[in-house]
Amino acid sequence: MIRITSKQHLFRRCRVAHPKGKTEYPDDTFTAEQIKVLQAEPKLTVEIVEKIEGKEEERPDLTVREIKERLEEMGIEYPPKAKKDELRKLLAEKMSGF
């Protein structure tokens, strides 16, 4: 399941008008590329919820430190004063290249 929280009512992204607050979508609602676009959007928070043994388990959004660690592991340089949204977008772009 994909849980999207929008900061703005009916904010449009990936051909969907996202209502303000949390909305849950089935896994097949968005393509992998669309999920990357949604995750890079500052007005949206995207959570991927996986079912494990009948229970839902959230994969939390990465912290700034975790994003920087992943970029460093991949040998990717980033601006020292980059904000979380910029780092998250950079990581999503670099991950799509693999």
PDB file of N, CA and C in Angstrom:
ATOM      1  N   MET A   1       0.837  -1.168   0.000  1.00  0.00           N
ATOM      2  CA  MET A   1       0.000   0.000   0.000  1.00  0.00           C
ATOM      3  C   MET A   1       0.890   1.241   0.000  1.00  0.00           C
ATOM      4  N   ILE A   2       0.408   2.290  -0.623  1.00  0.00           N
ATOM      5  CA  ILE A   2       1.121   3.565  -0.687  1.00  0.00           C
ATOM      6  C   ILE A   2       0.272   4.597   0.045  1.00  0.00           C
ATOM      7  N   ARG A   3       0.872   5.250   1.030  1.00  0.00           N
ATOM      8  CA  ARG A   3       0.172   6.280   1.803  1.00  0.00           C
ATOM      9  C   ARG A   3       0.794   7.623   1.458  1.00  0.00           C
ATOM     10  N   ILE A   4      -0.023   8.533   0.955  1.00  0.00           N
ATOM     11  CA  ILE A   4       0.456   9.857   0.562  1.00  0.00           C
ATOM     12  C   ILE A   4      -0.244  10.910   1.412  1.00  0.00           C
ATOM     13  N   THR A   5       0.572  11.782   2.006  1.00  0.00           N
ATOM     14  CA  THR A   5       0.052  12.896   2.783  1.00  0.00           C
ATOM     15  C   THR A   5       0.349  14.170   2.017  1.00  0.00           C
ATOM     16  N   SER A   6      -0.700  14.915   1.708  1.00  0.00           N
ATOM     17  CA  SER A   6      -0.557  16.156   0.961  1.00  0.00           C
ATOM     18  C   SER A   6      -0.700  17.342   1.898  1.00  0.00           C
ATOM     19  N   LYS A   7       0.169  18.335   1.709  1.00  0.00           N
ATOM     20  CA  LYS A   7       0.103  19.556   2.508  1.00  0.00           C
ATOM     21  C   LYS A   7      -0.929  20.536   1.948  1.00  0.00           C
ATOM     22  N   GLN A   8      -1.310  20.332   0.690  1.00  0.00           N
ATOM     23  CA  GLN A   8      -2.223  21.249   0.005  1.00  0.00           C
ATOM     24  C   GLN A   8      -3.404  20.455  -0.540  1.00  0.00           C
ATOM     25  N   HIS A   9      -4.613  20.938  -0.308  1.00  0.00           N
ATOM     26  CA  HIS A   9      -5.801  20.237  -0.773  1.00  0.00           C
ATOM     27  C   HIS A   9      -5.861  20.214  -2.305  1.00  0.00           C
ATOM     28  N   LEU A  10      -6.104  19.030  -2.824  1.00  0.00           N
ATOM     29  CA  LEU A  10      -6.231  18.765  -4.259  1.00  0.00           C
ATOM     30  C   LEU A  10      -4.987  19.165  -5.061  1.00  0.00           C
ATOM     31  N   PHE A  11      -3.829  19.004  -4.441  1.00  0.00           N
ATOM     32  CA  PHE A  11      -2.571  19.242  -5.146  1.00  0.00           C
ATOM     33  C   PHE A  11      -2.405  18.147  -6.194  1.00  0.00           C
ATOM     34  N   ARG A  12      -2.164  18.544  -7.437  1.00  0.00           N
ATOM     35  CA  ARG A  12      -2.086  17.573  -8.535  1.00  0.00           C
ATOM     36  C   ARG A  12      -0.651  17.167  -8.825  1.00  0.00           C
ATOM     37  N   ARG A  13      -0.459  15.858  -8.876  1.00  0.00           N
ATOM     38  CA  ARG A  13       0.831  15.305  -9.277  1.00  0.00           C
ATOM     39  C   ARG A  13       0.558  13.886  -9.771  1.00  0.00           C
ATOM     40  N   CYS A  14       1.158  13.527 -10.878  1.00  0.00           N
ATOM     41  CA  CYS A  14       1.001  12.199 -11.504  1.00  0.00           C
ATOM     42  C   CYS A  14      -0.462  11.890 -11.828  1.00  0.00           C
ATOM     43  N   ARG A  15      -1.148  12.907 -12.342  1.00  0.00           N
ATOM     44  CA  ARG A  15      -2.534  12.780 -12.788  1.00  0.00           C
ATOM     45  C   ARG A  15      -3.526  12.459 -11.670  1.00  0.00           C
ATOM     46  N   VAL A  16      -3.155  12.779 -10.440  1.00  0.00           N
ATOM     47  CA  VAL A  16      -4.034  12.551  -9.299  1.00  0.00           C
ATOM     48  C   VAL A  16      -4.138  13.849  -8.509  1.00  0.00           C
ATOM     49  N   ALA A  17      -5.368  14.210  -8.115  1.00  0.00           N
ATOM     50  CA  ALA A  17      -5.585  15.361  -7.238  1.00  0.00           C
ATOM     51  C   ALA A  17      -5.562  14.825  -5.807  1.00  0.00           C
ATOM     52  N   HIS A  18      -4.481  15.094  -5.103  1.00  0.00           N
ATOM     53  CA  HIS A  18      -4.287  14.557  -3.764  1.00  0.00           C
ATOM     54  C   HIS A  18      -4.995  15.444  -2.739  1.00  0.00           C
ATOM     55  N   PRO A  19      -5.946  14.891  -1.989  1.00  0.00           N
ATOM     56  CA  PRO A  19      -6.621  15.693  -0.970  1.00  0.00           C
ATOM     57  C   PRO A  19      -5.671  15.984   0.186  1.00  0.00           C
ATOM     58  N   LYS A  20      -5.939  17.050   0.910  1.00  0.00           N
ATOM     59  CA  LYS A  20      -5.096  17.392   2.056  1.00  0.00           C
ATOM     60  C   LYS A  20      -5.222  16.286   3.093  1.00  0.00           C
ATOM     61  N   GLY A  21      -4.090  15.898   3.660  1.00  0.00           N
ATOM     62  CA  GLY A  21      -4.081  14.831   4.657  1.00  0.00           C
ATOM     63  C   GLY A  21      -3.619  13.525   4.042  1.00  0.00           C
ATOM     64  N   LYS A  22      -3.851  12.434   4.762  1.00  0.00           N
ATOM     65  CA  LYS A  22      -3.390  11.111   4.323  1.00  0.00           C
ATOM     66  C   LYS A  22      -4.428  10.415   3.455  1.00  0.00           C
ATOM     67  N   THR A  23      -3.928   9.804   2.390  1.00  0.00           N
ATOM     68  CA  THR A  23      -4.755   8.989   1.507  1.00  0.00           C
ATOM     69  C   THR A  23      -3.972   7.726   1.191  1.00  0.00           C
ATOM     70  N   GLU A  24      -4.650   6.582   1.200  1.00  0.00           N
ATOM     71  CA  GLU A  24      -3.989   5.317   0.910  1.00  0.00           C
ATOM     72  C   GLU A  24      -4.406   4.813  -0.468  1.00  0.00           C
ATOM     73  N   TYR A  25      -3.409   4.280  -1.184  1.00  0.00           N
ATOM     74  CA  TYR A  25      -3.616   3.780  -2.539  1.00  0.00           C
ATOM     75  C   TYR A  25      -3.082   2.354  -2.628  1.00  0.00           C
ATOM     76  N   PRO A  26      -3.701   1.493  -3.446  1.00  0.00           N
ATOM     77  CA  PRO A  26      -3.154   0.150  -3.661  1.00  0.00           C
ATOM     78  C   PRO A  26      -1.771   0.229  -4.309  1.00  0.00           C
ATOM     79  N   ASP A  27      -0.974  -0.811  -4.126  1.00  0.00           N
ATOM     80  CA  ASP A  27       0.398  -0.846  -4.640  1.00  0.00           C
ATOM     81  C   ASP A  27       0.500  -0.577  -6.134  1.00  0.00           C
ATOM     82  N   ASP A  28      -0.485  -0.999  -6.901  1.00  0.00           N
ATOM     83  CA  ASP A  28      -0.391  -0.873  -8.365  1.00  0.00           C
ATOM     84  C   ASP A  28      -0.959   0.442  -8.908  1.00  0.00           C
ATOM     85  N   THR A  29      -1.252   1.396  -8.033  1.00  0.00           N
ATOM     86  CA  THR A  29      -1.817   2.675  -8.479  1.00  0.00           C
ATOM     87  C   THR A  29      -0.810   3.495  -9.269  1.00  0.00           C
ATOM     88  N   PHE A  30       0.461   3.475  -8.841  1.00  0.00           N
ATOM     89  CA  PHE A  30       1.499   4.285  -9.466  1.00  0.00           C
ATOM     90  C   PHE A  30       2.631   3.393  -9.965  1.00  0.00           C
ATOM     91  N   THR A  31       3.259   3.825 -11.056  1.00  0.00           N
ATOM     92  CA  THR A  31       4.441   3.121 -11.549  1.00  0.00           C
ATOM     93  C   THR A  31       5.635   3.480 -10.662  1.00  0.00           C
ATOM     94  N   ALA A  32       6.737   2.753 -10.812  1.00  0.00           N
ATOM     95  CA  ALA A  32       7.950   3.044 -10.043  1.00  0.00           C
ATOM     96  C   ALA A  32       8.446   4.459 -10.336  1.00  0.00           C
ATOM     97  N   GLU A  33       8.362   4.869 -11.592  1.00  0.00           N
ATOM     98  CA  GLU A  33       8.795   6.221 -11.971  1.00  0.00           C
ATOM     99  C   GLU A  33       7.888   7.279 -11.328  1.00  0.00           C
ATOM    100  N   GLN A  34       6.575   7.029 -11.302  1.00  0.00           N
ATOM    101  CA  GLN A  34       5.658   7.979 -10.678  1.00  0.00           C
ATOM    102  C   GLN A  34       5.924   8.084  -9.175  1.00  0.00           C
ATOM    103  N   ILE A  35       6.231   6.984  -8.531  1.00  0.00           N
ATOM    104  CA  ILE A  35       6.536   7.012  -7.100  1.00  0.00           C
ATOM    105  C   ILE A  35       7.763   7.873  -6.844  1.00  0.00           C
ATOM    106  N   LYS A  36       8.766   7.790  -7.692  1.00  0.00           N
ATOM    107  CA  LYS A  36       9.956   8.640  -7.545  1.00  0.00           C
ATOM    108  C   LYS A  36       9.595  10.114  -7.682  1.00  0.00           C
ATOM    109  N   VAL A  37       8.713  10.418  -8.626  1.00  0.00           N
ATOM    110  CA  VAL A  37       8.262  11.804  -8.816  1.00  0.00           C
ATOM    111  C   VAL A  37       7.503  12.279  -7.573  1.00  0.00           C
ATOM    112  N   LEU A  38       6.624  11.438  -7.054  1.00  0.00           N
ATOM    113  CA  LEU A  38       5.856  11.789  -5.864  1.00  0.00           C
ATOM    114  C   LEU A  38       6.771  11.994  -4.657  1.00  0.00           C
ATOM    115  N   GLN A  39       7.762  11.123  -4.493  1.00  0.00           N
ATOM    116  CA  GLN A  39       8.690  11.231  -3.371  1.00  0.00           C
ATOM    117  C   GLN A  39       9.541  12.486  -3.452  1.00  0.00           C
ATOM    118  N   ALA A  40       9.805  12.960  -4.637  1.00  0.00           N
ATOM    119  CA  ALA A  40      10.630  14.159  -4.815  1.00  0.00           C
ATOM    120  C   ALA A  40       9.826  15.448  -4.618  1.00  0.00           C
ATOM    121  N   GLU A  41       8.522  15.339  -4.542  1.00  0.00           N
ATOM    122  CA  GLU A  41       7.663  16.519  -4.413  1.00  0.00           C
ATOM    123  C   GLU A  41       7.596  16.984  -2.955  1.00  0.00           C
ATOM    124  N   PRO A  42       8.043  18.217  -2.666  1.00  0.00           N
ATOM    125  CA  PRO A  42       8.043  18.717  -1.286  1.00  0.00           C
ATOM    126  C   PRO A  42       6.658  18.842  -0.648  1.00  0.00           C
ATOM    127  N   LYS A  43       5.620  18.982  -1.459  1.00  0.00           N
ATOM    128  CA  LYS A  43       4.276  19.140  -0.898  1.00  0.00           C
ATOM    129  C   LYS A  43       3.627  17.806  -0.531  1.00  0.00           C
ATOM    130  N   LEU A  44       4.327  16.707  -0.832  1.00  0.00           N
ATOM    131  CA  LEU A  44       3.790  15.382  -0.536  1.00  0.00           C
ATOM    132  C   LEU A  44       4.764  14.587   0.320  1.00  0.00           C
ATOM    133  N   THR A  45       4.220  13.756   1.190  1.00  0.00           N
ATOM    134  CA  THR A  45       5.014  12.782   1.926  1.00  0.00           C
ATOM    135  C   THR A  45       4.514  11.415   1.496  1.00  0.00           C
ATOM    136  N   VAL A  46       5.415  10.573   1.023  1.00  0.00           N
ATOM    137  CA  VAL A  46       5.049   9.266   0.505  1.00  0.00           C
ATOM    138  C   VAL A  46       5.595   8.188   1.438  1.00  0.00           C
ATOM    139  N   GLU A  47       4.707   7.302   1.864  1.00  0.00           N
ATOM    140  CA  GLU A  47       5.107   6.178   2.709  1.00  0.00           C
ATOM    141  C   GLU A  47       4.725   4.890   1.987  1.00  0.00           C
ATOM    142  N   ILE A  48       5.655   3.961   1.945  1.00  0.00           N
ATOM    143  CA  ILE A  48       5.375   2.648   1.371  1.00  0.00           C
ATOM    144  C   ILE A  48       5.108   1.715   2.546  1.00  0.00           C
ATOM    145  N   VAL A  49       3.923   1.120   2.564  1.00  0.00           N
ATOM    146  CA  VAL A  49       3.545   0.222   3.648  1.00  0.00           C
ATOM    147  C   VAL A  49       3.494  -1.185   3.081  1.00  0.00           C
ATOM    148  N   GLU A  50       4.254  -2.081   3.702  1.00  0.00           N
ATOM    149  CA  GLU A  50       4.307  -3.458   3.222  1.00  0.00           C
ATOM    150  C   GLU A  50       3.591  -4.374   4.204  1.00  0.00           C
ATOM    151  N   LYS A  51       2.938  -5.379   3.654  1.00  0.00           N
ATOM    152  CA  LYS A  51       2.308  -6.373   4.516  1.00  0.00           C
ATOM    153  C   LYS A  51       3.305  -7.499   4.744  1.00  0.00           C
ATOM    154  N   ILE A  52       3.558  -7.774   6.005  1.00  0.00           N
ATOM    155  CA  ILE A  52       4.459  -8.863   6.362  1.00  0.00           C
ATOM    156  C   ILE A  52       3.725  -9.760   7.355  1.00  0.00           C
ATOM    157  N   GLU A  53       3.505 -11.010   6.967  1.00  0.00           N
ATOM    158  CA  GLU A  53       2.794 -11.971   7.807  1.00  0.00           C
ATOM    159  C   GLU A  53       1.476 -11.418   8.320  1.00  0.00           C
ATOM    160  N   GLY A  54       0.711 -10.806   7.422  1.00  0.00           N
ATOM    161  CA  GLY A  54      -0.601 -10.295   7.768  1.00  0.00           C
ATOM    162  C   GLY A  54      -0.601  -8.974   8.514  1.00  0.00           C
ATOM    163  N   LYS A  55       0.568  -8.420   8.765  1.00  0.00           N
ATOM    164  CA  LYS A  55       0.650  -7.138   9.470  1.00  0.00           C
ATOM    165  C   LYS A  55       1.197  -6.092   8.528  1.00  0.00           C
ATOM    166  N   GLU A  56       0.803  -4.858   8.750  1.00  0.00           N
ATOM    167  CA  GLU A  56       1.346  -3.758   7.959  1.00  0.00           C
ATOM    168  C   GLU A  56       2.591  -3.227   8.644  1.00  0.00           C
ATOM    169  N   GLU A  57       3.644  -3.041   7.871  1.00  0.00           N
ATOM    170  CA  GLU A  57       4.878  -2.484   8.408  1.00  0.00           C
ATOM    171  C   GLU A  57       5.282  -1.307   7.548  1.00  0.00           C
ATOM    172  N   GLU A  58       5.508  -0.169   8.175  1.00  0.00           N
ATOM    173  CA  GLU A  58       5.884   1.027   7.441  1.00  0.00           C
ATOM    174  C   GLU A  58       7.371   1.076   7.194  1.00  0.00           C
ATOM    175  N   ARG A  59       7.724   1.550   6.019  1.00  0.00           N
ATOM    176  CA  ARG A  59       9.110   1.905   5.744  1.00  0.00           C
ATOM    177  C   ARG A  59       9.158   3.414   5.887  1.00  0.00           C
ATOM    178  N   PRO A  60       9.719   3.898   6.983  1.00  0.00           N
ATOM    179  CA  PRO A  60       9.689   5.338   7.224  1.00  0.00           C
ATOM    180  C   PRO A  60      10.499   6.125   6.206  1.00  0.00           C
ATOM    181  N   ASP A  61      10.123   7.377   6.072  1.00  0.00           N
ATOM    182  CA  ASP A  61      10.860   8.298   5.222  1.00  0.00           C
ATOM    183  C   ASP A  61      12.282   8.412   5.760  1.00  0.00           C
ATOM    184  N   LEU A  62      13.256   8.496   4.870  1.00  0.00           N
ATOM    185  CA  LEU A  62      14.654   8.586   5.284  1.00  0.00           C
ATOM    186  C   LEU A  62      14.959   9.933   5.932  1.00  0.00           C
ATOM    187  N   THR A  63      15.845   9.913   6.917  1.00  0.00           N
ATOM    188  CA  THR A  63      16.309  11.154   7.537  1.00  0.00           C
ATOM    189  C   THR A  63      17.386  11.769   6.646  1.00  0.00           C
ATOM    190  N   VAL A  64      17.730  13.017   6.907  1.00  0.00           N
ATOM    191  CA  VAL A  64      18.788  13.694   6.140  1.00  0.00           C
ATOM    192  C   VAL A  64      20.081  12.899   6.250  1.00  0.00           C
ATOM    193  N   ARG A  65      20.415  12.465   7.458  1.00  0.00           N
ATOM    194  CA  ARG A  65      21.651  11.702   7.656  1.00  0.00           C
ATOM    195  C   ARG A  65      21.651  10.408   6.838  1.00  0.00           C
ATOM    196  N   GLU A  66      20.514   9.696   6.817  1.00  0.00           N
ATOM    197  CA  GLU A  66      20.421   8.452   6.053  1.00  0.00           C
ATOM    198  C   GLU A  66      20.567   8.712   4.553  1.00  0.00           C
ATOM    199  N   ILE A  67      19.972   9.788   4.070  1.00  0.00           N
ATOM    200  CA  ILE A  67      20.090  10.131   2.648  1.00  0.00           C
ATOM    201  C   ILE A  67      21.546  10.435   2.320  1.00  0.00           C
ATOM    202  N   LYS A  68      22.204  11.246   3.167  1.00  0.00           N
ATOM    203  CA  LYS A  68      23.617  11.575   2.935  1.00  0.00           C
ATOM    204  C   LYS A  68      24.478  10.329   2.955  1.00  0.00           C
ATOM    205  N   GLU A  69      24.214   9.411   3.881  1.00  0.00           N
ATOM    206  CA  GLU A  69      24.978   8.161   3.948  1.00  0.00           C
ATOM    207  C   GLU A  69      24.815   7.352   2.669  1.00  0.00           C
ATOM    208  N   ARG A  70      23.593   7.265   2.171  1.00  0.00           N
ATOM    209  CA  ARG A  70      23.362   6.511   0.929  1.00  0.00           C
ATOM    210  C   ARG A  70      24.074   7.156  -0.256  1.00  0.00           C
ATOM    211  N   LEU A  71      24.022   8.481  -0.330  1.00  0.00           N
ATOM    212  CA  LEU A  71      24.715   9.176  -1.415  1.00  0.00           C
ATOM    213  C   LEU A  71      26.225   8.941  -1.319  1.00  0.00           C
ATOM    214  N   GLU A  72      26.768   9.016  -0.116  1.00  0.00           N
ATOM    215  CA  GLU A  72      28.201   8.789   0.076  1.00  0.00           C
ATOM    216  C   GLU A  72      28.587   7.365  -0.286  1.00  0.00           C
ATOM    217  N   GLU A  73      27.756   6.392   0.086  1.00  0.00           N
ATOM    218  CA  GLU A  73      28.016   4.990  -0.266  1.00  0.00           C
ATOM    219  C   GLU A  73      28.076   4.801  -1.778  1.00  0.00           C
ATOM    220  N   MET A  74      27.286   5.592  -2.497  1.00  0.00           N
ATOM    221  CA  MET A  74      27.248   5.489  -3.955  1.00  0.00           C
ATOM    222  C   MET A  74      28.316   6.367  -4.599  1.00  0.00           C
ATOM    223  N   GLY A  75      29.098   7.083  -3.773  1.00  0.00           N
ATOM    224  CA  GLY A  75      30.156   7.945  -4.298  1.00  0.00           C
ATOM    225  C   GLY A  75      29.627   9.203  -4.964  1.00  0.00           C
ATOM    226  N   ILE A  76      28.488   9.692  -4.528  1.00  0.00           N
ATOM    227  CA  ILE A  76      27.847  10.856  -5.130  1.00  0.00           C
ATOM    228  C   ILE A  76      28.050  12.060  -4.216  1.00  0.00           C
ATOM    229  N   GLU A  77      28.548  13.143  -4.789  1.00  0.00           N
ATOM    230  CA  GLU A  77      28.746  14.366  -4.027  1.00  0.00           C
ATOM    231  C   GLU A  77      27.447  15.166  -4.002  1.00  0.00           C
ATOM    232  N   TYR A  78      27.257  15.903  -2.924  1.00  0.00           N
ATOM    233  CA  TYR A  78      26.066  16.729  -2.771  1.00  0.00           C
ATOM    234  C   TYR A  78      26.472  18.056  -2.134  1.00  0.00           C
ATOM    235  N   PRO A  79      25.695  19.112  -2.369  1.00  0.00           N
ATOM    236  CA  PRO A  79      26.016  20.410  -1.763  1.00  0.00           C
ATOM    237  C   PRO A  79      25.975  20.293  -0.238  1.00  0.00           C
ATOM    238  N   PRO A  80      26.970  20.807   0.467  1.00  0.00           N
ATOM    239  CA  PRO A  80      27.036  20.656   1.923  1.00  0.00           C
ATOM    240  C   PRO A  80      25.827  21.219   2.665  1.00  0.00           C
ATOM    241  N   LYS A  81      25.229  22.269   2.140  1.00  0.00           N
ATOM    242  CA  LYS A  81      24.091  22.888   2.830  1.00  0.00           C
ATOM    243  C   LYS A  81      22.754  22.532   2.181  1.00  0.00           C
ATOM    244  N   ALA A  82      22.722  21.432   1.426  1.00  0.00           N
ATOM    245  CA  ALA A  82      21.490  21.028   0.750  1.00  0.00           C
ATOM    246  C   ALA A  82      20.426  20.648   1.767  1.00  0.00           C
ATOM    247  N   LYS A  83      19.188  20.989   1.449  1.00  0.00           N
ATOM    248  CA  LYS A  83      18.058  20.668   2.324  1.00  0.00           C
ATOM    249  C   LYS A  83      17.565  19.255   2.015  1.00  0.00           C
ATOM    250  N   LYS A  84      16.738  18.732   2.907  1.00  0.00           N
ATOM    251  CA  LYS A  84      16.266  17.355   2.787  1.00  0.00           C
ATOM    252  C   LYS A  84      15.601  17.086   1.441  1.00  0.00           C
ATOM    253  N   ASP A  85      14.742  17.990   0.996  1.00  0.00           N
ATOM    254  CA  ASP A  85      14.039  17.777  -0.271  1.00  0.00           C
ATOM    255  C   ASP A  85      15.011  17.709  -1.447  1.00  0.00           C
ATOM    256  N   GLU A  86      16.043  18.553  -1.422  1.00  0.00           N
ATOM    257  CA  GLU A  86      17.057  18.535  -2.491  1.00  0.00           C
ATOM    258  C   GLU A  86      17.831  17.223  -2.475  1.00  0.00           C
ATOM    259  N   LEU A  87      18.208  16.777  -1.274  1.00  0.00           N
ATOM    260  CA  LEU A  87      18.950  15.521  -1.144  1.00  0.00           C
ATOM    261  C   LEU A  87      18.095  14.336  -1.572  1.00  0.00           C
ATOM    262  N   ARG A  88      16.830  14.350  -1.170  1.00  0.00           N
ATOM    263  CA  ARG A  88      15.925  13.256  -1.526  1.00  0.00           C
ATOM    264  C   ARG A  88      15.740  13.185  -3.040  1.00  0.00           C
ATOM    265  N   LYS A  89      15.615  14.341  -3.674  1.00  0.00           N
ATOM    266  CA  LYS A  89      15.461  14.384  -5.133  1.00  0.00           C
ATOM    267  C   LYS A  89      16.722  13.868  -5.823  1.00  0.00           C
ATOM    268  N   LEU A  90      17.899  14.273  -5.330  1.00  0.00           N
ATOM    269  CA  LEU A  90      19.163  13.813  -5.899  1.00  0.00           C
ATOM    270  C   LEU A  90      19.278  12.292  -5.772  1.00  0.00           C
ATOM    271  N   LEU A  91      18.931  11.765  -4.596  1.00  0.00           N
ATOM    272  CA  LEU A  91      19.002  10.323  -4.384  1.00  0.00           C
ATOM    273  C   LEU A  91      18.052   9.600  -5.331  1.00  0.00           C
ATOM    274  N   ALA A  92      16.835  10.106  -5.489  1.00  0.00           N
ATOM    275  CA  ALA A  92      15.857   9.467  -6.381  1.00  0.00           C
ATOM    276  C   ALA A  92      16.361   9.472  -7.825  1.00  0.00           C
ATOM    277  N   GLU A  93      16.973  10.582  -8.245  1.00  0.00           N
ATOM    278  CA  GLU A  93      17.512  10.660  -9.612  1.00  0.00           C
ATOM    279  C   GLU A  93      18.636   9.657  -9.814  1.00  0.00           C
ATOM    280  N   LYS A  94      19.529   9.557  -8.845  1.00  0.00           N
ATOM    281  CA  LYS A  94      20.669   8.651  -8.974  1.00  0.00           C
ATOM    282  C   LYS A  94      20.231   7.185  -8.884  1.00  0.00           C
ATOM    283  N   MET A  95      19.225   6.908  -8.067  1.00  0.00           N
ATOM    284  CA  MET A  95      18.734   5.531  -7.934  1.00  0.00           C
ATOM    285  C   MET A  95      18.043   5.075  -9.214  1.00  0.00           C
ATOM    286  N   SER A  96      17.401   5.998  -9.917  1.00  0.00           N
ATOM    287  CA  SER A  96      16.708   5.615 -11.151  1.00  0.00           C
ATOM    288  C   SER A  96      17.689   5.264 -12.250  1.00  0.00           C
ATOM    289  N   GLY A  97      18.953   5.675 -12.103  1.00  0.00           N
ATOM    290  CA  GLY A  97      19.974   5.367 -13.093  1.00  0.00           C
ATOM    291  C   GLY A  97      20.571   3.976 -12.955  1.00  0.00           C
ATOM    292  N   PHE A  98      20.206   3.255 -11.900  1.00  0.00           N
ATOM    293  CA  PHE A  98      20.768   1.919 -11.688  1.00  0.00           C
ATOM    294  C   PHE A  98      19.868   0.846 -12.223  1.00  0.00           C
TER     295      PHE A  98
END
